[in-house]
Protein backbone atom coordinates (compact mmCIF):
# COMPACT_ATOMS: atom_id res chain seq x y z
CA MET A 1 0.00 0.00 0.00
CA GLN A 2 2.77 2.45 0.96
CA LYS A 3 4.55 1.75 -2.32
CA ASN A 4 1.37 2.43 -4.32
CA ILE A 5 0.76 5.71 -2.46
CA ALA A 6 4.34 6.82 -3.10
CA ALA A 7 3.99 6.01 -6.80
CA LEU A 8 0.77 8.04 -6.98
CA LEU A 9 2.39 11.00 -5.20
CA ASP A 10 5.33 10.75 -7.54
CA LYS A 11 3.12 11.16 -10.59
CA THR A 12 0.84 13.74 -8.94
CA LEU A 13 3.75 16.08 -8.15
CA ALA A 14 5.03 15.83 -11.69
CA ALA A 15 1.59 16.43 -13.16
CA ALA A 16 0.63 19.42 -11.00
CA SER A 17 1.37 22.03 -13.66
CA LEU A 18 0.49 20.03 -16.78
CA THR A 19 -2.60 19.66 -18.92
CA GLY A 20 -3.73 17.78 -22.03
CA ASP A 21 -1.24 15.57 -23.81
CA LYS A 22 1.57 16.45 -21.39
CA LEU A 23 -0.56 15.31 -18.47
CA ALA A 24 -1.25 12.04 -20.27
CA ASP A 25 2.48 11.54 -20.85
CA VAL A 26 3.24 11.84 -17.13
CA PHE A 27 0.76 9.15 -16.20
CA SER A 28 1.54 6.89 -19.13
CA LYS A 29 5.34 6.67 -19.01
CA GLU A 30 7.66 4.34 -17.17
CA THR A 31 11.38 5.04 -17.66
CA HIS A 32 14.40 2.85 -17.02
CA ARG A 33 17.92 4.20 -17.48
CA PHE A 34 20.91 1.96 -18.19
CA THR A 35 24.52 3.05 -18.08
CA ILE A 36 27.06 0.91 -19.91
CA THR A 37 30.33 1.03 -17.98
CA GLY A 38 33.44 -0.50 -19.41
CA LEU A 39 37.16 0.08 -19.61
CA SER A 40 38.85 0.88 -22.89
CA ARG A 41 38.63 -2.02 -25.39
CA SER A 42 35.95 -3.81 -23.38
CA GLY A 43 33.64 -3.87 -26.41
CA LYS A 44 31.26 -1.01 -25.59
CA SER A 45 31.06 0.28 -29.17
CA MET A 46 30.32 -3.15 -30.60
CA LEU A 47 27.75 -3.95 -27.91
CA PHE A 48 25.94 -0.64 -28.52
CA THR A 49 26.05 -1.21 -32.29
CA SER A 50 24.66 -4.73 -31.91
CA LEU A 51 22.00 -3.68 -29.42
CA ILE A 52 20.65 -0.93 -31.69
CA THR A 53 20.79 -3.25 -34.72
CA MET A 54 18.81 -5.91 -32.83
CA LEU A 55 16.23 -3.42 -31.58
CA LYS A 56 15.79 -1.82 -35.00
CA SER A 57 15.47 -5.23 -36.63
CA ARG A 58 12.80 -6.17 -34.13
CA SER A 59 10.87 -2.89 -34.27
CA GLU A 60 11.20 -2.07 -37.97
CA GLU A 61 11.49 -5.49 -39.59
CA GLY A 62 9.61 -7.65 -37.09
CA TYR A 63 12.63 -9.92 -36.63
CA ALA A 64 12.31 -11.88 -33.37
CA CYS A 65 16.00 -11.64 -32.46
CA LEU A 66 15.43 -10.88 -28.78
CA PRO A 67 12.93 -12.26 -26.25
CA LEU A 68 12.86 -8.68 -24.98
CA LEU A 69 9.10 -8.56 -24.49
CA ARG A 70 8.83 -11.24 -21.82
CA TYR A 71 8.06 -8.43 -19.37
CA LEU A 72 6.22 -6.45 -22.07
CA PRO A 73 3.62 -8.92 -23.46
CA PRO A 74 3.68 -9.01 -27.30
CA SER A 75 -0.11 -9.02 -27.47
CA GLN A 76 -0.11 -5.58 -25.86
CA VAL A 77 2.61 -3.92 -27.96
CA LEU A 78 1.27 -1.13 -30.16
CA ASP A 79 4.57 0.33 -31.32
CA MET A 80 8.31 0.03 -30.72
CA ARG A 81 10.88 2.59 -31.86
CA VAL A 82 14.48 3.73 -31.30
CA GLU A 83 14.94 7.49 -30.73
CA PRO A 84 17.74 9.94 -29.78
CA LEU A 85 18.22 10.68 -26.08
CA ASP A 86 17.90 14.34 -25.08
CA GLY A 87 21.17 15.90 -23.96
CA TYR A 88 23.37 13.25 -25.57
CA LYS A 89 25.04 12.95 -28.93
CA ALA A 90 23.46 10.32 -31.14
CA PHE A 91 25.39 7.06 -31.14
CA PRO A 92 27.11 6.63 -34.55
CA HIS A 93 25.20 3.46 -35.41
CA GLN A 94 25.14 3.96 -39.18
CA GLU A 95 28.85 4.83 -39.24
CA ASN A 96 29.68 1.69 -37.25
CA VAL A 97 27.55 -0.52 -39.50
CA ALA A 98 29.28 1.03 -42.53
CA ALA A 99 32.65 0.20 -40.94
CA LEU A 100 31.56 -3.42 -40.43
CA ALA A 101 30.52 -3.58 -44.09
CA GLN A 102 34.11 -2.55 -44.95
CA GLY A 103 35.51 -5.30 -42.73
CA GLN A 104 36.52 -2.93 -39.93
CA TRP A 105 35.52 -3.01 -36.27
CA PRO A 106 33.76 0.09 -34.86
CA SER A 107 35.95 2.87 -33.51
CA ALA A 108 36.42 3.14 -29.75
CA THR A 109 34.02 5.31 -27.77
CA GLU A 110 35.51 8.78 -27.22
CA GLU A 111 32.36 10.77 -26.39
CA ALA A 112 29.15 10.34 -24.42
CA TYR A 113 26.36 8.80 -26.49
CA GLY A 114 22.77 7.95 -25.75
CA PHE A 115 19.62 6.50 -27.30
CA LYS A 116 16.25 5.32 -26.06
CA LEU A 117 13.89 2.51 -26.92
CA VAL A 118 10.22 3.48 -26.60
CA VAL A 119 7.71 0.63 -26.33
CA ARG A 120 4.04 1.64 -26.49
CA LEU A 121 1.66 -0.81 -24.79
CA LYS A 122 -2.11 -1.05 -24.81
CA GLN A 123 -3.59 -0.19 -21.44
CA THR A 124 -5.33 -3.26 -19.98
CA ALA A 125 -6.45 -2.14 -16.52
CA THR A 126 -10.23 -1.49 -16.67
CA PHE A 127 -10.05 1.88 -14.92
CA LYS A 128 -6.93 3.19 -16.63
CA LYS A 129 -7.85 2.23 -20.20
CA HIS A 130 -10.84 4.57 -20.08
CA LEU A 131 -8.56 7.45 -19.13
CA LEU A 132 -5.47 6.60 -21.20
CA PRO A 133 -5.31 4.30 -24.21
CA HIS A 134 -1.66 3.36 -23.83
CA THR A 135 1.45 3.21 -21.67
CA ASP A 136 4.92 4.15 -22.94
CA VAL A 137 7.81 2.21 -21.42
CA VAL A 138 11.10 3.99 -22.14
CA PHE A 139 14.53 2.38 -21.91
CA GLU A 140 17.41 4.89 -21.98
CA PHE A 141 20.95 3.72 -22.72
CA ILE A 142 24.09 5.80 -22.05
CA ASP A 143 27.62 5.03 -23.23
CA TYR A 144 30.85 6.92 -22.50
CA PRO A 145 34.63 6.39 -22.79
CA GLY A 146 36.25 4.00 -20.36
CA GLU A 147 39.01 6.56 -19.81
CA TRP A 148 36.50 8.84 -18.09
CA ILE A 149 35.61 6.12 -15.61
CA THR A 150 39.17 5.57 -14.44
CA ASP A 151 39.61 9.34 -13.95
CA ILE A 152 36.57 10.01 -11.74
CA PRO A 153 38.23 8.51 -8.57
CA MET A 154 40.84 11.27 -8.86
CA LEU A 155 38.21 13.67 -7.49
CA SER A 156 38.70 12.26 -4.01
CA LYS A 157 42.47 12.87 -3.93
CA THR A 158 44.79 15.83 -3.60
CA TYR A 159 47.50 16.20 -6.19
CA ALA A 160 50.17 14.88 -3.77
CA GLN A 161 48.02 11.86 -2.89
CA TRP A 162 47.40 11.07 -6.55
CA SER A 163 51.09 11.48 -7.41
CA ASP A 164 52.22 9.17 -4.60
CA SER A 165 49.62 6.49 -5.41
CA THR A 166 50.53 6.65 -9.10
CA TRP A 167 54.21 6.05 -8.33
CA ALA A 168 53.18 3.06 -6.21
CA GLN A 169 51.29 1.69 -9.21
CA LEU A 170 54.23 2.33 -11.52
CA SER A 171 56.58 0.46 -9.20
CA SER A 172 54.53 -2.75 -8.99
CA GLY A 173 52.45 -5.09 -11.08
CA PRO A 174 52.71 -5.09 -14.85
CA GLN A 175 53.11 -1.30 -15.02
CA GLN A 176 56.67 -1.50 -13.77
CA TYR A 177 57.73 -3.12 -17.06
CA TYR A 178 56.21 -0.39 -19.20
CA ALA A 179 57.18 2.63 -17.07
CA GLU A 180 60.93 2.15 -17.33
CA THR A 181 61.42 4.89 -19.94
CA TRP A 182 59.22 7.29 -17.97
CA ARG A 183 61.22 6.64 -14.78
CA GLN A 184 64.44 7.35 -16.68
CA VAL A 185 62.99 10.68 -17.84
CA ILE A 186 62.13 11.64 -14.25
CA ASN A 187 65.53 10.50 -12.90
CA GLN A 188 67.38 12.59 -15.48
CA PHE A 189 65.09 15.63 -15.35
CA ASP A 190 66.47 18.79 -13.77
CA PHE A 191 63.79 20.08 -11.40
CA GLU A 192 65.98 23.06 -10.53
CA GLN A 193 64.92 24.60 -13.81
CA PRO A 194 61.66 26.56 -13.61
CA PRO A 195 58.33 25.02 -14.71
CA THR A 196 58.09 27.02 -17.91
CA ALA A 197 55.51 26.10 -20.55
CA ALA A 198 58.22 24.37 -22.61
CA ASN A 199 59.55 22.35 -19.65
CA ILE A 200 56.06 21.31 -18.56
CA HIS A 201 55.24 20.37 -22.15
CA ALA A 202 58.30 18.09 -22.35
CA LEU A 203 57.45 16.29 -19.10
CA VAL A 204 53.75 15.88 -19.88
CA HIS A 205 54.46 14.47 -23.33
CA ALA A 206 56.91 11.95 -21.88
CA TYR A 207 54.29 10.81 -19.36
CA ARG A 208 51.59 10.65 -22.04
CA ASN A 209 53.88 8.45 -24.14
CA TYR A 210 53.98 6.05 -21.19
CA LEU A 211 50.16 6.10 -20.97
CA ILE A 212 49.86 5.32 -24.70
CA TYR A 213 52.38 2.48 -24.47
CA ALA A 214 50.84 0.97 -21.35
CA LYS A 215 47.34 1.11 -22.82
CA ARG A 216 48.56 -0.68 -25.95
CA GLU A 217 50.03 -3.38 -23.71
CA GLY A 218 46.75 -4.03 -21.91
CA ILE A 219 47.10 -1.91 -18.75
CA SER A 220 43.66 -0.89 -17.46
CA LEU A 221 44.43 1.42 -14.53
CA LEU A 222 45.79 4.54 -16.25
CA GLN A 223 45.35 8.11 -14.99
CA PRO A 224 44.59 10.57 -16.38
CA GLY A 225 42.93 8.50 -19.09
CA SER A 226 41.38 11.69 -20.48
CA PHE A 227 44.87 12.68 -21.73
CA LEU A 228 44.57 9.80 -24.20
CA LEU A 229 41.41 11.07 -25.88
CA ASP A 230 41.71 13.50 -28.78
CA SER A 231 38.04 14.38 -28.29
CA SER A 232 38.52 15.42 -24.65
CA ASP A 233 37.41 18.97 -23.87
CA PHE A 234 40.16 19.27 -21.25
CA ASN A 235 43.22 21.02 -22.65
CA TRP A 236 45.97 18.73 -21.38
CA GLN A 237 48.47 20.49 -23.63
CA GLU A 238 48.11 23.65 -21.56
CA PHE A 239 47.05 22.28 -18.17
CA GLY A 240 48.78 18.90 -18.20
CA PHE A 241 50.49 17.35 -15.17
CA THR A 242 52.39 14.22 -14.23
CA PRO A 243 53.30 12.41 -11.02
CA LEU A 244 56.38 13.95 -9.40
CA PRO A 245 58.95 12.49 -7.00
CA SER A 246 57.85 12.58 -3.34
CA SER A 247 60.78 14.89 -2.56
CA ILE A 248 58.90 17.53 -4.57
CA THR A 249 55.29 16.76 -3.65
CA SER A 250 56.21 16.90 0.04
CA ASP A 251 57.43 20.49 -0.41
CA VAL A 252 54.38 22.67 -1.04
CA SER A 253 56.67 25.64 -1.74
CA HIS A 254 58.42 23.91 -4.64
CA PRO A 255 57.66 25.64 -7.99
CA TRP A 256 56.99 22.32 -9.76
CA TYR A 257 54.59 21.21 -7.05
CA GLN A 258 52.74 24.51 -7.22
CA ALA A 259 52.48 24.38 -11.02
CA PHE A 260 51.21 20.79 -11.20
CA ASN A 261 48.95 21.19 -8.17
CA LYS A 262 47.31 24.16 -9.94
CA HIS A 263 46.83 22.12 -13.12
CA PHE A 264 45.52 19.13 -11.17
CA CYS A 265 42.91 21.33 -9.44
CA ALA A 266 41.89 22.73 -12.84
CA PHE A 267 41.47 19.16 -14.09
CA GLN A 268 39.25 18.34 -11.11
CA ASN A 269 37.17 21.54 -11.12
CA ASN A 270 36.86 22.26 -14.84
CA TRP A 271 36.65 18.73 -16.19
CA LEU A 272 35.98 15.91 -13.70
CA THR A 273 33.38 17.64 -11.51
CA PRO A 274 31.14 18.75 -14.43
CA LEU A 275 31.65 15.34 -16.04
CA LYS A 276 30.48 13.48 -12.95
CA GLN A 277 27.49 15.77 -12.51
CA SER A 278 26.37 15.47 -16.12
CA ILE A 279 27.17 11.85 -17.01
CA PHE A 280 27.51 9.74 -13.86
CA LYS A 281 24.06 10.31 -12.42
CA GLU A 282 20.39 9.41 -12.72
CA THR A 283 20.81 5.79 -13.63
CA ASP A 284 19.14 2.83 -11.98
CA LYS A 285 20.71 -0.07 -13.87
CA GLN A 286 24.34 -0.65 -14.75
CA ILE A 287 26.12 -2.93 -17.21
CA ILE A 288 29.83 -3.35 -16.39
CA LEU A 289 31.74 -4.72 -19.38
CA VAL A 290 34.94 -6.68 -18.75
CA ASP A 291 37.42 -7.89 -21.37
CA LEU A 292 39.03 -10.88 -19.66
CA PHE A 293 40.89 -11.78 -22.85
CA GLU A 294 43.07 -8.67 -22.52
CA GLY A 295 44.44 -10.12 -19.28
CA LEU A 296 44.55 -13.72 -20.49
CA ASN A 297 46.49 -12.61 -23.53
CA HIS A 298 49.14 -10.87 -21.39
CA SER A 299 49.65 -12.26 -17.90
CA ARG A 300 48.13 -13.16 -14.55
CA GLN A 301 49.31 -9.79 -13.23
CA HIS A 302 47.13 -8.08 -15.82
CA LEU A 303 44.08 -9.95 -14.51
CA TYR A 304 44.88 -9.03 -10.91
CA GLN A 305 45.21 -5.41 -11.96
CA LEU A 306 41.85 -5.62 -13.75
CA LYS A 307 40.32 -6.86 -10.50
CA GLU A 308 41.85 -3.91 -8.63
CA THR A 309 40.62 -1.48 -11.28
CA LEU A 310 37.02 -2.73 -11.06
CA SER A 311 37.16 -2.38 -7.28
CA HIS A 312 38.23 1.27 -7.62
CA LEU A 313 35.55 1.94 -10.22
CA ALA A 314 32.80 0.78 -7.88
CA ASP A 315 33.51 3.87 -5.76
CA THR A 316 32.47 6.09 -8.68
CA PHE A 317 28.77 5.21 -8.58
CA VAL A 318 25.95 5.43 -6.04
CA TYR A 319 24.45 2.04 -5.30
CA GLY A 320 21.18 1.17 -3.60
CA GLN A 321 17.49 0.99 -4.41
CA SER A 322 15.93 4.32 -5.43
CA ASN A 323 12.65 5.36 -3.86
CA TRP A 324 10.24 8.28 -4.18
CA PHE A 325 12.08 10.35 -1.54
CA SER A 326 15.51 9.95 -3.11
CA ARG A 327 14.27 10.74 -6.61
CA LYS A 328 11.99 13.70 -5.85
CA VAL A 329 13.41 15.25 -2.68
CA LEU A 330 17.09 14.38 -2.84
CA LYS A 331 17.08 14.57 -6.65
CA SER A 332 19.25 11.49 -6.92
CA GLU A 333 18.99 8.07 -8.53
CA GLN A 334 20.72 4.98 -7.19
CA ILE A 335 21.82 1.88 -9.06
CA GLY A 336 19.78 -1.10 -7.93
CA LYS A 337 20.78 -3.67 -10.57
CA VAL A 338 24.29 -4.46 -11.78
CA ALA A 339 25.27 -6.86 -14.54
CA PHE A 340 28.92 -7.92 -14.78
CA VAL A 341 29.48 -8.89 -18.42
CA ALA A 342 32.45 -10.70 -19.94
CA THR A 343 32.47 -9.67 -23.59
CA LYS A 344 33.69 -11.48 -26.73
CA ALA A 345 32.76 -14.82 -25.15
CA ASP A 346 32.71 -16.65 -28.51
CA LEU A 347 36.48 -16.23 -28.90
CA ILE A 348 36.88 -19.51 -27.00
CA PRO A 349 35.08 -22.86 -27.40
CA VAL A 350 31.81 -23.46 -25.58
CA SER A 351 33.58 -26.04 -23.42
CA GLN A 352 35.74 -23.28 -21.88
CA ARG A 353 33.02 -20.76 -21.11
CA GLU A 354 32.31 -22.06 -17.63
CA ASN A 355 35.93 -21.33 -16.73
CA LEU A 356 35.57 -17.86 -18.25
CA LEU A 357 32.48 -17.23 -16.12
CA ASN A 358 34.38 -18.37 -13.01
CA LEU A 359 37.16 -15.90 -13.82
CA LEU A 360 34.59 -13.13 -14.18
CA HIS A 361 33.20 -13.95 -10.72
CA GLN A 362 36.68 -13.71 -9.22
CA VAL A 363 37.70 -10.52 -11.03
CA SER A 364 34.51 -8.79 -9.85
CA GLU A 365 34.98 -9.77 -6.17
CA GLY A 366 36.39 -6.42 -5.07
CA ALA A 367 33.64 -4.45 -6.80
CA ARG A 368 30.90 -6.67 -5.36
CA ALA A 369 32.33 -6.17 -1.88
CA LYS A 370 31.25 -2.51 -2.21
CA PHE A 371 27.62 -3.72 -2.43
CA LYS A 372 27.74 -5.29 1.03
CA ASP A 373 24.64 -4.54 3.13
CA LYS A 374 22.99 -2.76 0.18
CA PRO A 375 19.80 -4.01 -1.53
CA ILE A 376 21.45 -4.55 -4.91
CA GLU A 377 20.72 -7.32 -7.40
CA PHE A 378 23.67 -8.47 -9.49
CA GLU A 379 24.47 -11.27 -11.90
CA HIS A 380 27.33 -12.34 -14.17
CA PHE A 381 26.96 -12.89 -17.90
CA LEU A 382 28.94 -14.05 -20.91
CA VAL A 383 28.00 -12.06 -24.02
CA SER A 384 28.92 -12.12 -27.70
CA ALA A 385 27.71 -8.93 -29.37
CA MET A 386 28.37 -10.66 -32.68
CA GLN A 387 28.73 -14.41 -33.12
CA ILE A 388 31.98 -14.26 -35.09
CA THR A 389 33.10 -17.87 -34.49
CA ASP A 390 31.57 -21.28 -35.21
CA GLU A 391 31.96 -24.65 -33.50
CA GLY A 392 35.07 -26.56 -34.47
CA SER A 393 35.62 -30.25 -35.16
CA SER A 394 36.24 -30.91 -31.45
CA ALA A 395 35.04 -29.49 -28.14
CA GLN A 396 38.32 -27.57 -27.83
CA ALA A 397 38.17 -25.91 -31.26
CA ILE A 398 36.46 -23.01 -33.02
CA ARG A 399 36.30 -21.86 -36.65
CA TYR A 400 36.50 -18.24 -37.76
CA THR A 401 37.72 -15.92 -40.51
CA ASP A 402 41.28 -14.82 -39.77
CA SER A 403 42.97 -11.50 -40.61
CA ASN A 404 43.98 -12.89 -44.02
CA GLY A 405 40.38 -13.71 -44.93
CA ARG A 406 40.80 -17.46 -44.54
CA TYR A 407 38.20 -19.59 -42.75
CA VAL A 408 40.37 -21.50 -40.28
CA GLU A 409 40.08 -23.73 -37.23
CA SER A 410 42.00 -23.28 -33.99
CA SER A 411 42.25 -25.57 -30.97
CA PHE A 412 42.71 -24.26 -27.42
CA GLU A 413 44.27 -25.41 -24.21
CA PRO A 414 41.87 -25.07 -21.24
CA ILE A 415 41.87 -21.54 -19.81
CA PRO A 416 42.28 -21.24 -16.01
CA ALA A 417 39.13 -21.29 -13.88
CA THR A 418 40.80 -19.14 -11.19
CA LEU A 419 43.56 -16.54 -11.09
CA LYS A 420 45.83 -18.77 -9.04
CA ASP A 421 45.48 -21.51 -11.68
CA MET A 422 47.19 -19.28 -14.23
CA GLU A 423 50.91 -19.87 -14.02
CA GLU A 424 53.26 -16.91 -13.68
CA GLY A 425 54.46 -15.93 -17.15
CA ALA A 426 51.74 -17.90 -18.91
CA HIS A 427 49.38 -16.30 -21.40
CA PHE A 428 46.51 -17.51 -23.54
CA PRO A 429 46.50 -15.95 -27.03
CA VAL A 430 43.08 -15.27 -28.51
CA PRO A 431 42.32 -15.37 -32.24
CA SER A 432 42.47 -12.19 -34.29
CA ALA A 433 39.13 -12.70 -36.00
CA GLN A 434 38.07 -10.69 -39.03
CA VAL A 435 34.64 -9.09 -39.38
CA PRO A 436 32.54 -11.76 -41.14
CA ASN A 437 30.83 -10.91 -44.43
CA ASP A 438 27.47 -11.92 -42.96
CA TYR A 439 27.98 -9.55 -40.03
CA LYS A 440 24.32 -8.52 -39.66
CA ALA A 441 23.08 -12.11 -39.44
CA ARG A 442 25.80 -12.77 -36.90
CA ILE A 443 24.78 -9.71 -34.87
CA LEU A 444 21.21 -10.99 -34.75
CA ALA A 445 22.61 -14.36 -33.64
CA GLY A 446 24.69 -12.79 -30.84
CA LYS A 447 24.64 -14.74 -27.61
CA GLY A 448 23.79 -13.56 -24.11
CA VAL A 449 22.29 -10.14 -24.92
CA ASP A 450 18.76 -11.51 -24.50
CA ARG A 451 19.47 -13.01 -21.08
CA LEU A 452 21.22 -9.79 -20.02
CA LEU A 453 18.16 -7.72 -20.93
CA GLN A 454 15.84 -10.19 -19.21
CA PHE A 455 17.73 -9.66 -15.97
CA LEU A 456 17.79 -5.87 -16.25
CA LEU A 457 14.10 -5.63 -17.17
CA GLY A 458 12.93 -8.26 -14.69
CA LYS A 459 11.03 -7.71 -11.50
CA GLY A 460 13.49 -9.51 -9.25
CA GLU A 461 11.91 -12.90 -9.76
């Protein structure tokens, strides 16, 4: 009863100043907002492209590629359409499909994109159908660069704290192998010279070269990730900064500390704070994409670092079940459902996918620990946004089109079911599969997207 009263008050407050069609919209709409969170190369662009392709095929062509309407009975559906999302740049779906047609994978996400699926249902309740002929259920999807996600935790640190923690990262784990050139630059740099624009430029570019190299080698925890994006509105060329030796960050009077502290504060105030307020809010469902193959292809240390990164990222979002008070009075939305998704699951044989799911459970442990004592539903999923491989001649084999355009078969050793099962120095190469010619049919045959949507749309059953 209390829940029904709150729902009525919710709609009554919103309708107080409306009449006619606008009043009908308030009482006829139910909105769900999804945010797709994923680190760089986790497959966000391909998942978004596949999702829109599936939804358009279902709504415009009547292709039953998703059991999406289990919670929206097909007999009641009047209309189903994909529309732009207000305040967000339209996702480049057509451009990505054109790239696939040319045999190229979609470009990485470098901006915030959004779209919405609007499903119009016939009203069935006896009382309501006399007042309103339909109900619109709106599903809003938001995508943004993974580099933004890794930067948001920097809001909770001072420049000195960030610098010291970054050096700790650079001195351990897989980063230590890729930061050698950067450390040499710092060791040879003369900090007695003043922090002129030219000197700062030289240091920032050397650090950015490390970021580029480490990203290419599969490192996930890189800050500031925004320095890697050409589309970023933050001018890192003018206000760039790097970690500095503790002998400098401990001396607040040092000219280099003062210069980089000023730039760091500008990064927080002029870039991260507005970004968090505009993008990382008002969402009630979250999809966290994880590319386990990036770690498997490099080393066990990479997987442990991925686990650490996901744990840090969980601090970026507000988790818990939203209610009328939090939405209307506190003006805040909380994430009540979280889906951990291992992408590109068809790059290994079906026989190995249980091990992949076990790895996903372990890598997400730190993030899930942040949900303790909170009423949050979460599940783990294996998803293929496009079914680019076929079954091989044995349970350990798959067939696919390689980078030379040949249809080949590869056999695989079992992948580890746990992190400790992966031997130090071992790595598990994954196939470099080409975009298939029948890419649209393979998008519509993608695996796991339907089950993922069922969970996010479900009523907790």
